[in-house]
Amino acid sequence: MRLLLVEDDPMIGASVQRGLKQEGYSVDWVRDGAAAEGALADGVHELILLDLGLPRKSGLELLAALRRRGVATPVLVITARDSVADRVKGLDAGADDYLVKPFDLDELSARVRALLRRQGGRASPVLDVGPLSLDPAVHAVTLDGAPVALSKREFSLLHALMKQPGVPLSRAQIEESLYGWGEEIESNAVEVHIHALRRKIGAERIRNVRGVGYMVPAEP
């Protein structure tokens, strides 16, 4: 799952990027509002973590411009501005949530999960498809109640497929979800992860749709 972090403070940015990567997210990081506009042009990010006090273009200006263009990507504002008036401005400009610095990375991760869950129209964080269950909060997968050990990439790939059972994802969509800027992608990386997942959860639970991509079949 791919996120965009817009933060000009190098220490905070590095800490947030590192922490969210450890949670299995792919995190692209830009340091000003103008760069963020360019980064968001291709629409591959599923959530934006946005500081307000940015150079070149403020976070509020960027947020308002995105919403005027109809961009519905969830936005979590992360800022040191802690007054009620500032929070109201951020939420009224189109933010989906607001977190004041300094914050705990565990809380940040929980808010990210909640926004992504809301974006997907789900009340429960746990994804269930037949006997297969995935809990993003604790990075756990079970099959018929038994735990399945997955690597971070395998977990992220299965998560992407289980969010929309019955809907195939192309190889390009999977790569965009799993890999951020500057990460080298081997030509057969997706196939390698698919093969590993099939070996662990059963080949029938990840179907190859010829000429389209891969999907987790929806249960009848």
N, C-alpha and C. Protein backbone atom coordinates (compact mmCIF):
# COMPACT_ATOMS: atom_id res chain seq x y z
N MET A 1 0.84 -1.18 0.00
CA MET A 1 0.00 0.00 0.00
C MET A 1 0.88 1.24 0.00
N ARG A 2 0.61 2.17 -0.91
CA ARG A 2 1.54 3.28 -1.16
C ARG A 2 0.99 4.59 -0.60
N LEU A 3 1.81 5.26 0.20
CA LEU A 3 1.45 6.52 0.84
C LEU A 3 2.38 7.62 0.37
N LEU A 4 1.89 8.87 0.44
CA LEU A 4 2.74 10.03 0.16
C LEU A 4 2.88 10.84 1.44
N LEU A 5 4.12 11.05 1.87
CA LEU A 5 4.43 11.87 3.03
C LEU A 5 4.92 13.22 2.53
N VAL A 6 4.27 14.30 3.00
CA VAL A 6 4.66 15.67 2.62
C VAL A 6 5.10 16.37 3.91
N GLU A 7 6.40 16.45 4.12
CA GLU A 7 6.97 16.94 5.38
C GLU A 7 8.33 17.55 5.11
N ASP A 8 8.54 18.80 5.57
CA ASP A 8 9.81 19.47 5.29
C ASP A 8 10.85 19.27 6.38
N ASP A 9 10.45 18.79 7.55
CA ASP A 9 11.42 18.56 8.62
C ASP A 9 12.12 17.22 8.37
N PRO A 10 13.45 17.24 8.17
CA PRO A 10 14.16 16.00 7.80
C PRO A 10 14.11 14.92 8.88
N MET A 11 14.16 15.31 10.14
CA MET A 11 14.15 14.31 11.21
C MET A 11 12.77 13.66 11.34
N ILE A 12 11.73 14.50 11.31
CA ILE A 12 10.37 13.95 11.42
C ILE A 12 10.04 13.11 10.19
N GLY A 13 10.40 13.63 9.02
CA GLY A 13 10.11 12.90 7.79
C GLY A 13 10.78 11.54 7.77
N ALA A 14 12.06 11.50 8.14
CA ALA A 14 12.79 10.23 8.13
C ALA A 14 12.21 9.25 9.13
N SER A 15 11.81 9.76 10.30
CA SER A 15 11.25 8.90 11.34
C SER A 15 9.90 8.31 10.91
N VAL A 16 9.05 9.17 10.35
CA VAL A 16 7.73 8.70 9.91
C VAL A 16 7.87 7.71 8.75
N GLN A 17 8.73 8.04 7.78
CA GLN A 17 8.91 7.13 6.65
C GLN A 17 9.43 5.77 7.12
N ARG A 18 10.41 5.79 8.00
CA ARG A 18 10.99 4.55 8.51
C ARG A 18 9.94 3.73 9.28
N GLY A 19 9.18 4.41 10.15
CA GLY A 19 8.19 3.71 10.95
C GLY A 19 7.08 3.09 10.11
N LEU A 20 6.59 3.81 9.11
CA LEU A 20 5.52 3.28 8.28
C LEU A 20 6.03 2.19 7.34
N LYS A 21 7.27 2.29 6.92
CA LYS A 21 7.84 1.21 6.11
C LYS A 21 7.95 -0.07 6.92
N GLN A 22 8.26 0.06 8.21
CA GLN A 22 8.32 -1.12 9.07
C GLN A 22 6.94 -1.75 9.24
N GLU A 23 5.90 -0.94 9.05
CA GLU A 23 4.53 -1.45 9.11
C GLU A 23 4.11 -2.10 7.80
N GLY A 24 4.98 -2.04 6.79
CA GLY A 24 4.68 -2.69 5.52
C GLY A 24 4.19 -1.77 4.43
N TYR A 25 4.13 -0.46 4.70
CA TYR A 25 3.69 0.50 3.69
C TYR A 25 4.86 0.90 2.80
N SER A 26 4.54 1.28 1.58
CA SER A 26 5.52 1.92 0.70
C SER A 26 5.30 3.42 0.82
N VAL A 27 6.33 4.16 1.25
CA VAL A 27 6.17 5.58 1.58
C VAL A 27 7.08 6.44 0.72
N ASP A 28 6.48 7.24 -0.16
CA ASP A 28 7.22 8.25 -0.91
C ASP A 28 7.22 9.55 -0.10
N TRP A 29 8.32 10.27 -0.13
CA TRP A 29 8.47 11.46 0.72
C TRP A 29 8.91 12.65 -0.12
N VAL A 30 8.13 13.74 -0.04
CA VAL A 30 8.51 15.02 -0.64
C VAL A 30 8.52 16.07 0.45
N ARG A 31 9.22 17.19 0.18
CA ARG A 31 9.48 18.16 1.25
C ARG A 31 8.85 19.53 1.03
N ASP A 32 8.03 19.69 -0.01
CA ASP A 32 7.33 20.97 -0.18
C ASP A 32 6.03 20.73 -0.94
N GLY A 33 5.15 21.74 -0.89
CA GLY A 33 3.84 21.59 -1.48
C GLY A 33 3.84 21.46 -2.99
N ALA A 34 4.75 22.18 -3.66
CA ALA A 34 4.80 22.11 -5.12
C ALA A 34 5.24 20.71 -5.57
N ALA A 35 6.22 20.14 -4.88
CA ALA A 35 6.66 18.78 -5.21
C ALA A 35 5.55 17.78 -4.97
N ALA A 36 4.74 18.03 -3.94
CA ALA A 36 3.63 17.12 -3.65
C ALA A 36 2.61 17.12 -4.78
N GLU A 37 2.34 18.30 -5.35
CA GLU A 37 1.40 18.37 -6.48
C GLU A 37 1.87 17.50 -7.63
N GLY A 38 3.16 17.58 -7.93
CA GLY A 38 3.70 16.76 -9.01
C GLY A 38 3.63 15.28 -8.68
N ALA A 39 3.91 14.93 -7.42
CA ALA A 39 3.91 13.53 -7.01
C ALA A 39 2.51 12.92 -7.07
N LEU A 40 1.49 13.75 -6.87
CA LEU A 40 0.12 13.25 -6.83
C LEU A 40 -0.53 13.19 -8.21
N ALA A 41 0.19 13.62 -9.22
CA ALA A 41 -0.41 13.70 -10.55
C ALA A 41 -0.79 12.34 -11.12
N ASP A 42 -0.03 11.30 -10.73
CA ASP A 42 -0.31 9.99 -11.33
C ASP A 42 -1.35 9.18 -10.56
N GLY A 43 -1.79 9.66 -9.40
CA GLY A 43 -2.89 9.03 -8.68
C GLY A 43 -2.61 7.66 -8.09
N VAL A 44 -1.34 7.35 -7.81
CA VAL A 44 -1.02 6.01 -7.31
C VAL A 44 -1.06 5.92 -5.78
N HIS A 45 -1.11 7.04 -5.09
CA HIS A 45 -1.05 7.01 -3.63
C HIS A 45 -2.45 6.85 -3.03
N GLU A 46 -2.54 6.03 -1.99
CA GLU A 46 -3.83 5.74 -1.38
C GLU A 46 -4.12 6.63 -0.18
N LEU A 47 -3.10 7.33 0.32
CA LEU A 47 -3.30 8.24 1.44
C LEU A 47 -2.17 9.25 1.45
N ILE A 48 -2.48 10.48 1.91
CA ILE A 48 -1.50 11.56 1.99
C ILE A 48 -1.33 11.97 3.45
N LEU A 49 -0.09 12.01 3.92
CA LEU A 49 0.24 12.55 5.23
C LEU A 49 0.82 13.93 5.00
N LEU A 50 0.13 14.96 5.48
CA LEU A 50 0.42 16.32 5.04
C LEU A 50 0.74 17.25 6.20
N ASP A 51 1.95 17.81 6.17
CA ASP A 51 2.29 18.90 7.08
C ASP A 51 1.68 20.19 6.52
N LEU A 52 1.43 21.15 7.39
CA LEU A 52 0.83 22.41 6.93
C LEU A 52 1.87 23.48 6.63
N GLY A 53 2.93 23.56 7.45
CA GLY A 53 3.93 24.61 7.28
C GLY A 53 4.99 24.21 6.27
N LEU A 54 4.64 24.23 5.00
CA LEU A 54 5.53 23.77 3.94
C LEU A 54 6.07 24.93 3.12
N PRO A 55 7.28 24.82 2.59
CA PRO A 55 7.78 25.83 1.65
C PRO A 55 7.12 25.69 0.29
N ARG A 56 7.21 26.77 -0.51
CA ARG A 56 6.73 26.86 -1.89
C ARG A 56 5.20 26.86 -2.00
N LYS A 57 4.53 25.99 -1.28
CA LYS A 57 3.07 25.99 -1.26
C LYS A 57 2.63 25.37 0.06
N SER A 58 1.81 26.09 0.81
CA SER A 58 1.44 25.61 2.14
C SER A 58 0.56 24.36 2.04
N GLY A 59 0.52 23.62 3.14
CA GLY A 59 -0.31 22.43 3.18
C GLY A 59 -1.78 22.74 2.98
N LEU A 60 -2.26 23.84 3.56
CA LEU A 60 -3.67 24.22 3.40
C LEU A 60 -3.98 24.56 1.94
N GLU A 61 -3.07 25.28 1.28
CA GLU A 61 -3.27 25.61 -0.13
C GLU A 61 -3.30 24.35 -0.99
N LEU A 62 -2.38 23.45 -0.72
CA LEU A 62 -2.34 22.19 -1.47
C LEU A 62 -3.61 21.40 -1.24
N LEU A 63 -4.03 21.28 0.00
CA LEU A 63 -5.23 20.52 0.33
C LEU A 63 -6.46 21.09 -0.34
N ALA A 64 -6.62 22.41 -0.27
CA ALA A 64 -7.78 23.05 -0.89
C ALA A 64 -7.77 22.85 -2.41
N ALA A 65 -6.59 22.93 -3.02
CA ALA A 65 -6.49 22.74 -4.47
C ALA A 65 -6.85 21.31 -4.87
N LEU A 66 -6.40 20.35 -4.08
CA LEU A 66 -6.74 18.94 -4.36
C LEU A 66 -8.23 18.72 -4.30
N ARG A 67 -8.87 19.24 -3.27
CA ARG A 67 -10.31 19.03 -3.12
C ARG A 67 -11.10 19.76 -4.21
N ARG A 68 -10.63 20.93 -4.64
CA ARG A 68 -11.32 21.65 -5.73
C ARG A 68 -11.27 20.84 -7.03
N ARG A 69 -10.17 20.10 -7.22
CA ARG A 69 -10.03 19.28 -8.43
C ARG A 69 -10.77 17.95 -8.30
N GLY A 70 -11.37 17.71 -7.17
CA GLY A 70 -12.11 16.48 -6.98
C GLY A 70 -11.28 15.30 -6.55
N VAL A 71 -10.03 15.53 -6.11
CA VAL A 71 -9.18 14.44 -5.64
C VAL A 71 -9.70 14.00 -4.27
N ALA A 72 -10.09 12.74 -4.17
CA ALA A 72 -10.73 12.24 -2.95
C ALA A 72 -9.79 11.44 -2.06
N THR A 73 -8.51 11.39 -2.40
CA THR A 73 -7.53 10.63 -1.61
C THR A 73 -7.57 11.10 -0.15
N PRO A 74 -7.66 10.18 0.81
CA PRO A 74 -7.69 10.59 2.22
C PRO A 74 -6.44 11.38 2.61
N VAL A 75 -6.63 12.41 3.43
CA VAL A 75 -5.52 13.26 3.88
C VAL A 75 -5.50 13.29 5.40
N LEU A 76 -4.37 12.89 5.95
CA LEU A 76 -4.13 13.00 7.39
C LEU A 76 -3.15 14.15 7.60
N VAL A 77 -3.62 15.21 8.22
CA VAL A 77 -2.75 16.36 8.51
C VAL A 77 -1.91 16.03 9.74
N ILE A 78 -0.59 16.24 9.61
CA ILE A 78 0.32 16.08 10.75
C ILE A 78 1.06 17.41 10.91
N THR A 79 0.82 18.10 12.01
CA THR A 79 1.32 19.46 12.15
C THR A 79 1.54 19.83 13.61
N ALA A 80 2.36 20.84 13.81
CA ALA A 80 2.58 21.37 15.16
C ALA A 80 1.52 22.40 15.53
N ARG A 81 0.70 22.82 14.58
CA ARG A 81 -0.33 23.82 14.85
C ARG A 81 -1.47 23.15 15.62
N ASP A 82 -1.58 23.48 16.91
CA ASP A 82 -2.49 22.72 17.76
C ASP A 82 -3.70 23.50 18.26
N SER A 83 -3.91 24.72 17.76
CA SER A 83 -5.07 25.48 18.22
C SER A 83 -6.35 24.93 17.60
N VAL A 84 -7.46 25.18 18.26
CA VAL A 84 -8.76 24.74 17.73
C VAL A 84 -9.00 25.37 16.36
N ALA A 85 -8.64 26.66 16.22
CA ALA A 85 -8.85 27.36 14.95
C ALA A 85 -8.08 26.69 13.82
N ASP A 86 -6.84 26.28 14.11
CA ASP A 86 -6.03 25.61 13.08
C ASP A 86 -6.64 24.26 12.70
N ARG A 87 -7.12 23.52 13.69
CA ARG A 87 -7.73 22.22 13.39
C ARG A 87 -8.99 22.41 12.56
N VAL A 88 -9.78 23.42 12.89
CA VAL A 88 -11.00 23.69 12.13
C VAL A 88 -10.66 24.05 10.68
N LYS A 89 -9.63 24.89 10.50
CA LYS A 89 -9.23 25.27 9.14
C LYS A 89 -8.81 24.04 8.33
N GLY A 90 -8.02 23.18 8.96
CA GLY A 90 -7.55 21.99 8.26
C GLY A 90 -8.69 21.06 7.87
N LEU A 91 -9.61 20.83 8.79
CA LEU A 91 -10.73 19.94 8.51
C LEU A 91 -11.67 20.56 7.48
N ASP A 92 -11.91 21.87 7.59
CA ASP A 92 -12.78 22.54 6.63
C ASP A 92 -12.16 22.60 5.24
N ALA A 93 -10.84 22.58 5.16
CA ALA A 93 -10.18 22.60 3.86
C ALA A 93 -10.24 21.24 3.17
N GLY A 94 -10.63 20.20 3.92
CA GLY A 94 -10.79 18.90 3.30
C GLY A 94 -10.01 17.77 3.93
N ALA A 95 -9.34 18.04 5.07
CA ALA A 95 -8.61 16.97 5.74
C ALA A 95 -9.58 15.93 6.30
N ASP A 96 -9.15 14.69 6.32
CA ASP A 96 -9.97 13.62 6.88
C ASP A 96 -9.65 13.37 8.35
N ASP A 97 -8.47 13.74 8.78
CA ASP A 97 -8.07 13.59 10.17
C ASP A 97 -6.94 14.56 10.44
N TYR A 98 -6.64 14.77 11.72
CA TYR A 98 -5.70 15.82 12.13
C TYR A 98 -4.93 15.30 13.33
N LEU A 99 -3.61 15.24 13.22
CA LEU A 99 -2.77 14.73 14.29
C LEU A 99 -1.70 15.77 14.61
N VAL A 100 -1.61 16.13 15.89
CA VAL A 100 -0.70 17.20 16.32
C VAL A 100 0.64 16.62 16.74
N LYS A 101 1.71 17.26 16.26
CA LYS A 101 3.08 16.89 16.67
C LYS A 101 3.35 17.41 18.08
N PRO A 102 4.17 16.70 18.84
CA PRO A 102 4.74 15.37 18.57
C PRO A 102 3.69 14.30 18.77
N PHE A 103 3.79 13.23 18.02
CA PHE A 103 2.82 12.14 18.12
C PHE A 103 3.55 10.81 18.22
N ASP A 104 2.82 9.81 18.67
CA ASP A 104 3.38 8.47 18.77
C ASP A 104 3.16 7.74 17.44
N LEU A 105 4.17 7.04 16.98
CA LEU A 105 4.06 6.34 15.70
C LEU A 105 2.98 5.28 15.71
N ASP A 106 2.71 4.69 16.87
CA ASP A 106 1.64 3.70 16.95
C ASP A 106 0.28 4.35 16.68
N GLU A 107 0.10 5.57 17.23
CA GLU A 107 -1.16 6.28 16.98
C GLU A 107 -1.26 6.68 15.51
N LEU A 108 -0.15 7.14 14.93
CA LEU A 108 -0.15 7.49 13.52
C LEU A 108 -0.55 6.29 12.67
N SER A 109 0.03 5.13 12.95
CA SER A 109 -0.30 3.92 12.20
C SER A 109 -1.77 3.56 12.34
N ALA A 110 -2.30 3.71 13.55
CA ALA A 110 -3.71 3.39 13.77
C ALA A 110 -4.62 4.33 12.99
N ARG A 111 -4.26 5.61 12.94
CA ARG A 111 -5.08 6.56 12.19
C ARG A 111 -4.98 6.30 10.69
N VAL A 112 -3.80 5.92 10.21
CA VAL A 112 -3.65 5.56 8.80
C VAL A 112 -4.55 4.38 8.47
N ARG A 113 -4.52 3.35 9.31
CA ARG A 113 -5.37 2.18 9.07
C ARG A 113 -6.85 2.56 9.07
N ALA A 114 -7.24 3.42 10.01
CA ALA A 114 -8.65 3.81 10.09
C ALA A 114 -9.09 4.56 8.84
N LEU A 115 -8.25 5.47 8.33
CA LEU A 115 -8.61 6.23 7.13
C LEU A 115 -8.68 5.33 5.91
N LEU A 116 -7.74 4.40 5.78
CA LEU A 116 -7.77 3.48 4.64
C LEU A 116 -8.98 2.56 4.72
N ARG A 117 -9.32 2.15 5.92
CA ARG A 117 -10.52 1.32 6.11
C ARG A 117 -11.78 2.09 5.73
N ARG A 118 -11.85 3.34 6.17
CA ARG A 118 -13.02 4.17 5.84
C ARG A 118 -13.11 4.41 4.35
N GLN A 119 -11.95 4.64 3.72
CA GLN A 119 -11.92 4.84 2.27
C GLN A 119 -12.46 3.62 1.54
N GLY A 120 -12.19 2.44 2.08
CA GLY A 120 -12.67 1.20 1.47
C GLY A 120 -14.10 0.86 1.83
N GLY A 121 -14.73 1.70 2.66
CA GLY A 121 -16.13 1.47 3.02
C GLY A 121 -16.33 0.34 4.01
N ARG A 122 -15.31 0.06 4.84
CA ARG A 122 -15.41 -1.04 5.78
C ARG A 122 -15.45 -0.51 7.20
N ALA A 123 -16.29 -1.16 8.03
CA ALA A 123 -16.35 -0.80 9.44
C ALA A 123 -15.31 -1.58 10.24
N SER A 124 -15.11 -2.85 9.87
CA SER A 124 -14.17 -3.70 10.58
C SER A 124 -12.80 -3.64 9.92
N PRO A 125 -11.73 -3.64 10.71
CA PRO A 125 -10.40 -3.64 10.11
C PRO A 125 -10.01 -5.00 9.52
N VAL A 126 -10.65 -6.06 9.96
CA VAL A 126 -10.27 -7.41 9.54
C VAL A 126 -10.93 -7.73 8.20
N LEU A 127 -10.14 -8.28 7.27
CA LEU A 127 -10.65 -8.71 5.97
C LEU A 127 -10.82 -10.22 5.99
N ASP A 128 -12.02 -10.69 5.65
CA ASP A 128 -12.31 -12.12 5.62
C ASP A 128 -12.80 -12.51 4.24
N VAL A 129 -12.16 -13.49 3.65
CA VAL A 129 -12.62 -14.07 2.39
C VAL A 129 -12.62 -15.58 2.59
N GLY A 130 -13.79 -16.16 2.83
CA GLY A 130 -13.87 -17.58 3.14
C GLY A 130 -13.07 -17.89 4.39
N PRO A 131 -12.21 -18.92 4.34
CA PRO A 131 -11.42 -19.29 5.53
C PRO A 131 -10.18 -18.43 5.73
N LEU A 132 -9.96 -17.48 4.81
CA LEU A 132 -8.77 -16.63 4.87
C LEU A 132 -9.11 -15.33 5.57
N SER A 133 -8.29 -14.96 6.57
CA SER A 133 -8.53 -13.75 7.34
C SER A 133 -7.24 -12.95 7.46
N LEU A 134 -7.35 -11.62 7.28
CA LEU A 134 -6.18 -10.73 7.36
C LEU A 134 -6.51 -9.55 8.27
N ASP A 135 -5.67 -9.35 9.26
CA ASP A 135 -5.84 -8.25 10.21
C ASP A 135 -4.67 -7.27 10.05
N PRO A 136 -4.90 -6.11 9.41
CA PRO A 136 -3.80 -5.17 9.18
C PRO A 136 -3.27 -4.53 10.45
N ALA A 137 -4.07 -4.49 11.52
CA ALA A 137 -3.62 -3.83 12.74
C ALA A 137 -2.46 -4.58 13.39
N VAL A 138 -2.46 -5.90 13.28
CA VAL A 138 -1.41 -6.70 13.92
C VAL A 138 -0.60 -7.49 12.89
N HIS A 139 -0.84 -7.20 11.61
CA HIS A 139 -0.12 -7.87 10.52
C HIS A 139 -0.21 -9.39 10.65
N ALA A 140 -1.45 -9.86 10.82
CA ALA A 140 -1.66 -11.29 11.01
C ALA A 140 -2.56 -11.84 9.91
N VAL A 141 -2.23 -13.02 9.43
CA VAL A 141 -3.05 -13.74 8.47
C VAL A 141 -3.31 -15.13 9.02
N THR A 142 -4.56 -15.56 8.94
CA THR A 142 -4.90 -16.92 9.35
C THR A 142 -5.67 -17.61 8.23
N LEU A 143 -5.50 -18.92 8.18
CA LEU A 143 -6.22 -19.75 7.22
C LEU A 143 -6.86 -20.88 8.01
N ASP A 144 -8.20 -20.91 8.00
CA ASP A 144 -8.94 -21.87 8.84
C ASP A 144 -8.54 -21.74 10.30
N GLY A 145 -8.24 -20.50 10.72
CA GLY A 145 -7.88 -20.24 12.11
C GLY A 145 -6.42 -20.46 12.46
N ALA A 146 -5.65 -21.02 11.53
CA ALA A 146 -4.23 -21.27 11.79
C ALA A 146 -3.39 -20.12 11.25
N PRO A 147 -2.39 -19.64 11.99
CA PRO A 147 -1.58 -18.51 11.53
C PRO A 147 -0.74 -18.88 10.30
N VAL A 148 -0.59 -17.89 9.41
CA VAL A 148 0.24 -18.04 8.21
C VAL A 148 1.33 -16.99 8.27
N ALA A 149 2.58 -17.43 8.22
CA ALA A 149 3.72 -16.50 8.29
C ALA A 149 4.02 -15.95 6.90
N LEU A 150 3.94 -14.61 6.75
CA LEU A 150 4.19 -13.95 5.47
C LEU A 150 5.27 -12.89 5.65
N SER A 151 6.03 -12.65 4.58
CA SER A 151 6.95 -11.52 4.57
C SER A 151 6.14 -10.23 4.43
N LYS A 152 6.80 -9.08 4.62
CA LYS A 152 6.09 -7.81 4.50
C LYS A 152 5.52 -7.61 3.10
N ARG A 153 6.29 -7.97 2.08
CA ARG A 153 5.81 -7.81 0.70
C ARG A 153 4.64 -8.75 0.44
N GLU A 154 4.74 -9.99 0.91
CA GLU A 154 3.65 -10.95 0.71
C GLU A 154 2.39 -10.47 1.41
N PHE A 155 2.55 -9.94 2.63
CA PHE A 155 1.39 -9.44 3.37
C PHE A 155 0.76 -8.27 2.62
N SER A 156 1.57 -7.33 2.15
CA SER A 156 1.04 -6.16 1.44
C SER A 156 0.33 -6.57 0.16
N LEU A 157 0.88 -7.53 -0.55
CA LEU A 157 0.25 -8.01 -1.78
C LEU A 157 -1.08 -8.68 -1.49
N LEU A 158 -1.10 -9.56 -0.50
CA LEU A 158 -2.36 -10.22 -0.14
C LEU A 158 -3.39 -9.20 0.34
N HIS A 159 -2.95 -8.21 1.09
CA HIS A 159 -3.84 -7.15 1.56
C HIS A 159 -4.49 -6.43 0.38
N ALA A 160 -3.67 -6.07 -0.60
CA ALA A 160 -4.20 -5.37 -1.78
C ALA A 160 -5.24 -6.22 -2.51
N LEU A 161 -4.99 -7.52 -2.63
CA LEU A 161 -5.92 -8.39 -3.34
C LEU A 161 -7.20 -8.64 -2.54
N MET A 162 -7.07 -8.76 -1.22
CA MET A 162 -8.24 -9.08 -0.39
C MET A 162 -9.15 -7.88 -0.18
N LYS A 163 -8.65 -6.68 -0.42
CA LYS A 163 -9.52 -5.49 -0.27
C LYS A 163 -10.65 -5.51 -1.28
N GLN A 164 -10.41 -6.12 -2.44
CA GLN A 164 -11.44 -6.18 -3.48
C GLN A 164 -11.52 -7.60 -4.03
N PRO A 165 -12.06 -8.53 -3.26
CA PRO A 165 -12.15 -9.90 -3.76
C PRO A 165 -12.98 -9.98 -5.03
N GLY A 166 -12.50 -10.78 -5.97
CA GLY A 166 -13.19 -10.91 -7.24
C GLY A 166 -12.80 -9.88 -8.27
N VAL A 167 -11.98 -8.89 -7.87
CA VAL A 167 -11.54 -7.83 -8.79
C VAL A 167 -10.05 -8.04 -9.09
N PRO A 168 -9.68 -8.31 -10.33
CA PRO A 168 -8.26 -8.55 -10.63
C PRO A 168 -7.45 -7.26 -10.62
N LEU A 169 -6.21 -7.38 -10.15
CA LEU A 169 -5.26 -6.28 -10.20
C LEU A 169 -4.18 -6.63 -11.21
N SER A 170 -3.84 -5.67 -12.05
CA SER A 170 -2.79 -5.91 -13.04
C SER A 170 -1.42 -5.93 -12.35
N ARG A 171 -0.45 -6.44 -13.06
CA ARG A 171 0.91 -6.43 -12.53
C ARG A 171 1.36 -5.00 -12.23
N ALA A 172 1.04 -4.07 -13.12
CA ALA A 172 1.44 -2.67 -12.90
C ALA A 172 0.78 -2.10 -11.65
N GLN A 173 -0.49 -2.42 -11.42
CA GLN A 173 -1.18 -1.93 -10.22
C GLN A 173 -0.54 -2.51 -8.96
N ILE A 174 -0.17 -3.77 -9.02
CA ILE A 174 0.46 -4.39 -7.86
C ILE A 174 1.82 -3.76 -7.59
N GLU A 175 2.60 -3.53 -8.64
CA GLU A 175 3.91 -2.90 -8.46
C GLU A 175 3.77 -1.50 -7.89
N GLU A 176 2.80 -0.73 -8.37
CA GLU A 176 2.59 0.63 -7.86
C GLU A 176 2.21 0.61 -6.40
N SER A 177 1.49 -0.42 -5.98
CA SER A 177 1.06 -0.51 -4.58
C SER A 177 2.19 -0.93 -3.66
N LEU A 178 3.09 -1.79 -4.16
CA LEU A 178 4.12 -2.37 -3.31
C LEU A 178 5.42 -1.59 -3.26
N TYR A 179 5.72 -0.86 -4.33
CA TYR A 179 7.06 -0.26 -4.44
C TYR A 179 6.98 1.26 -4.57
N GLY A 180 7.86 1.95 -3.85
CA GLY A 180 7.94 3.39 -3.93
C GLY A 180 9.07 3.85 -4.84
N TRP A 181 9.31 5.16 -4.84
CA TRP A 181 10.36 5.73 -5.68
C TRP A 181 11.71 5.16 -5.29
N GLY A 182 12.53 4.91 -6.29
CA GLY A 182 13.90 4.48 -6.04
C GLY A 182 14.06 3.05 -5.62
N GLU A 183 12.96 2.32 -5.47
CA GLU A 183 13.06 0.91 -5.11
C GLU A 183 13.18 0.08 -6.38
N GLU A 184 14.21 -0.71 -6.46
CA GLU A 184 14.43 -1.53 -7.65
C GLU A 184 13.43 -2.68 -7.69
N ILE A 185 12.79 -2.84 -8.84
CA ILE A 185 11.80 -3.90 -9.01
C ILE A 185 12.33 -4.90 -10.03
N GLU A 186 12.58 -6.11 -9.59
CA GLU A 186 13.02 -7.14 -10.51
C GLU A 186 11.87 -7.51 -11.45
N SER A 187 12.22 -7.94 -12.65
CA SER A 187 11.21 -8.17 -13.69
C SER A 187 10.18 -9.19 -13.28
N ASN A 188 10.54 -10.15 -12.43
CA ASN A 188 9.60 -11.20 -12.04
C ASN A 188 9.20 -11.10 -10.57
N ALA A 189 9.37 -9.91 -9.97
CA ALA A 189 9.13 -9.76 -8.53
C ALA A 189 7.70 -10.12 -8.15
N VAL A 190 6.72 -9.63 -8.91
CA VAL A 190 5.31 -9.91 -8.58
C VAL A 190 5.05 -11.41 -8.66
N GLU A 191 5.54 -12.06 -9.70
CA GLU A 191 5.33 -13.49 -9.87
C GLU A 191 5.96 -14.27 -8.73
N VAL A 192 7.13 -13.84 -8.26
CA VAL A 192 7.80 -14.51 -7.15
C VAL A 192 6.94 -14.43 -5.89
N HIS A 193 6.40 -13.24 -5.60
CA HIS A 193 5.55 -13.07 -4.42
C HIS A 193 4.25 -13.87 -4.55
N ILE A 194 3.66 -13.87 -5.74
CA ILE A 194 2.44 -14.65 -5.97
C ILE A 194 2.72 -16.14 -5.73
N HIS A 195 3.83 -16.62 -6.25
CA HIS A 195 4.18 -18.04 -6.08
C HIS A 195 4.33 -18.37 -4.60
N ALA A 196 4.99 -17.49 -3.84
CA ALA A 196 5.18 -17.73 -2.41
C ALA A 196 3.85 -17.74 -1.67
N LEU A 197 2.97 -16.81 -2.02
CA LEU A 197 1.65 -16.76 -1.37
C LEU A 197 0.84 -18.01 -1.68
N ARG A 198 0.84 -18.43 -2.92
CA ARG A 198 0.09 -19.64 -3.29
C ARG A 198 0.60 -20.86 -2.53
N ARG A 199 1.89 -20.93 -2.34
CA ARG A 199 2.46 -22.06 -1.62
C ARG A 199 2.00 -22.07 -0.16
N LYS A 200 1.78 -20.86 0.41
CA LYS A 200 1.43 -20.76 1.83
C LYS A 200 -0.08 -20.82 2.10
N ILE A 201 -0.90 -20.30 1.16
CA ILE A 201 -2.35 -20.26 1.43
C ILE A 201 -3.15 -21.12 0.46
N GLY A 202 -2.48 -21.71 -0.53
CA GLY A 202 -3.19 -22.54 -1.50
C GLY A 202 -3.31 -21.84 -2.84
N ALA A 203 -2.95 -22.56 -3.90
CA ALA A 203 -2.94 -21.96 -5.24
C ALA A 203 -4.32 -21.48 -5.66
N GLU A 204 -5.36 -22.15 -5.19
CA GLU A 204 -6.72 -21.80 -5.63
C GLU A 204 -7.20 -20.47 -5.06
N ARG A 205 -6.49 -19.93 -4.07
CA ARG A 205 -6.94 -18.68 -3.43
C ARG A 205 -6.38 -17.43 -4.10
N ILE A 206 -5.48 -17.61 -5.05
CA ILE A 206 -5.04 -16.48 -5.88
C ILE A 206 -5.12 -16.94 -7.33
N ARG A 207 -6.04 -16.35 -8.05
CA ARG A 207 -6.32 -16.79 -9.41
C ARG A 207 -5.66 -15.85 -10.42
N ASN A 208 -5.12 -16.45 -11.46
CA ASN A 208 -4.55 -15.69 -12.57
C ASN A 208 -5.63 -15.45 -13.61
N VAL A 209 -5.96 -14.19 -13.86
CA VAL A 209 -6.94 -13.84 -14.90
C VAL A 209 -6.14 -13.51 -16.15
N ARG A 210 -6.19 -14.39 -17.12
CA ARG A 210 -5.33 -14.29 -18.29
C ARG A 210 -5.46 -12.92 -18.98
N GLY A 211 -4.33 -12.28 -19.20
CA GLY A 211 -4.30 -10.99 -19.89
C GLY A 211 -4.69 -9.82 -19.01
N VAL A 212 -5.06 -10.09 -17.75
CA VAL A 212 -5.49 -9.00 -16.85
C VAL A 212 -4.58 -8.89 -15.64
N GLY A 213 -4.53 -9.95 -14.84
CA GLY A 213 -3.72 -9.91 -13.63
C GLY A 213 -4.09 -10.99 -12.66
N TYR A 214 -4.11 -10.65 -11.37
CA TYR A 214 -4.36 -11.62 -10.31
C TYR A 214 -5.49 -11.14 -9.42
N MET A 215 -6.21 -12.10 -8.83
CA MET A 215 -7.27 -11.73 -7.88
C MET A 215 -7.47 -12.84 -6.85
N VAL A 216 -8.01 -12.46 -5.71
CA VAL A 216 -8.51 -13.40 -4.74
C VAL A 216 -9.99 -13.62 -5.07
N PRO A 217 -10.40 -14.82 -5.43
CA PRO A 217 -11.80 -15.05 -5.82
C PRO A 217 -12.75 -14.73 -4.67
N ALA A 218 -13.85 -14.07 -5.00
CA ALA A 218 -14.87 -13.80 -4.00
C ALA A 218 -15.57 -15.09 -3.64
N GLU A 219 -15.88 -15.25 -2.37
CA GLU A 219 -16.60 -16.44 -1.94
C GLU A 219 -18.06 -16.33 -2.36
N PRO A 220 -18.68 -17.45 -2.80
CA PRO A 220 -20.10 -17.40 -3.16
C PRO A 220 -20.96 -17.12 -1.96
